[in-house]
C-alpha atoms as a PDB file:
ATOM      1  CA  MET A   1       0.000   0.000   0.000  1.00  0.00           C
ATOM      2  CA  THR A   2       1.288   3.484  -0.841  1.00  0.00           C
ATOM      3  CA  ILE A   3       0.254   6.526   1.183  1.00  0.00           C
ATOM      4  CA  LEU A   4       0.791  10.150   0.173  1.00  0.00           C
ATOM      5  CA  ALA A   5       1.166  12.234   3.327  1.00  0.00           C
ATOM      6  CA  PHE A   6       1.496  15.962   3.886  1.00  0.00           C
ATOM      7  CA  ALA A   7       1.280  18.347   6.816  1.00  0.00           C
ATOM      8  CA  GLY A   8      -1.269  21.135   6.648  1.00  0.00           C
ATOM      9  CA  ALA A   9       1.091  23.654   8.237  1.00  0.00           C
ATOM     10  CA  LEU A  10       4.163  25.113   6.568  1.00  0.00           C
ATOM     11  CA  ARG A  11       6.069  25.951   9.766  1.00  0.00           C
ATOM     12  CA  ALA A  12       8.969  23.551  10.376  1.00  0.00           C
ATOM     13  CA  GLY A  13       8.172  22.926  14.068  1.00  0.00           C
ATOM     14  CA  SER A  14       4.408  22.660  13.697  1.00  0.00           C
ATOM     15  CA  PHE A  15       2.348  20.153  15.666  1.00  0.00           C
ATOM     16  CA  ASN A  16       1.024  18.743  12.376  1.00  0.00           C
ATOM     17  CA  ARG A  17       4.542  17.957  11.148  1.00  0.00           C
ATOM     18  CA  LYS A  18       5.423  16.277  14.453  1.00  0.00           C
ATOM     19  CA  LEU A  19       2.240  14.203  14.335  1.00  0.00           C
ATOM     20  CA  LEU A  20       2.983  13.232  10.736  1.00  0.00           C
ATOM     21  CA  ALA A  21       6.482  12.072  11.727  1.00  0.00           C
ATOM     22  CA  VAL A  22       4.984   9.850  14.457  1.00  0.00           C
ATOM     23  CA  ALA A  23       2.464   8.381  12.002  1.00  0.00           C
ATOM     24  CA  VAL A  24       5.171   7.700   9.399  1.00  0.00           C
ATOM     25  CA  GLU A  25       7.288   5.921  12.008  1.00  0.00           C
ATOM     26  CA  ALA A  26       4.315   3.847  13.198  1.00  0.00           C
ATOM     27  CA  LEU A  27       3.603   2.671   9.640  1.00  0.00           C
ATOM     28  CA  ARG A  28       7.224   1.930   8.729  1.00  0.00           C
ATOM     29  CA  GLY A  29       7.433  -1.554   7.243  1.00  0.00           C
ATOM     30  CA  GLN A  30       3.662  -1.772   6.752  1.00  0.00           C
ATOM     31  CA  ALA A  31       3.231   0.763   3.951  1.00  0.00           C
ATOM     32  CA  GLU A  32       5.245   2.840   1.497  1.00  0.00           C
ATOM     33  CA  ILE A  33       4.835   6.486   2.475  1.00  0.00           C
ATOM     34  CA  ASP A  34       5.574   9.384   0.132  1.00  0.00           C
ATOM     35  CA  LEU A  35       5.879  12.737   1.892  1.00  0.00           C
ATOM     36  CA  LEU A  36       4.741  15.804  -0.017  1.00  0.00           C
ATOM     37  CA  ASP A  37       6.465  18.950   1.256  1.00  0.00           C
ATOM     38  CA  LEU A  38       4.145  21.864   0.546  1.00  0.00           C
ATOM     39  CA  ARG A  39       6.949  24.325   1.305  1.00  0.00           C
ATOM     40  CA  ASP A  40       8.212  23.503  -2.203  1.00  0.00           C
ATOM     41  CA  VAL A  41       4.929  24.667  -3.768  1.00  0.00           C
ATOM     42  CA  PRO A  42       4.687  28.428  -4.425  1.00  0.00           C
ATOM     43  CA  MET A  43       1.549  29.827  -2.812  1.00  0.00           C
END
């Protein structure tokens, strides 16, 4: 299974990014996770 994950906040130390890191670690070995960094997208 492949999961595309992104944090809703752009700030590096945001709670959303920390929560995403925990989720990615919990799923390691069970799914392929692609992280989309929205900081690379001009808004």
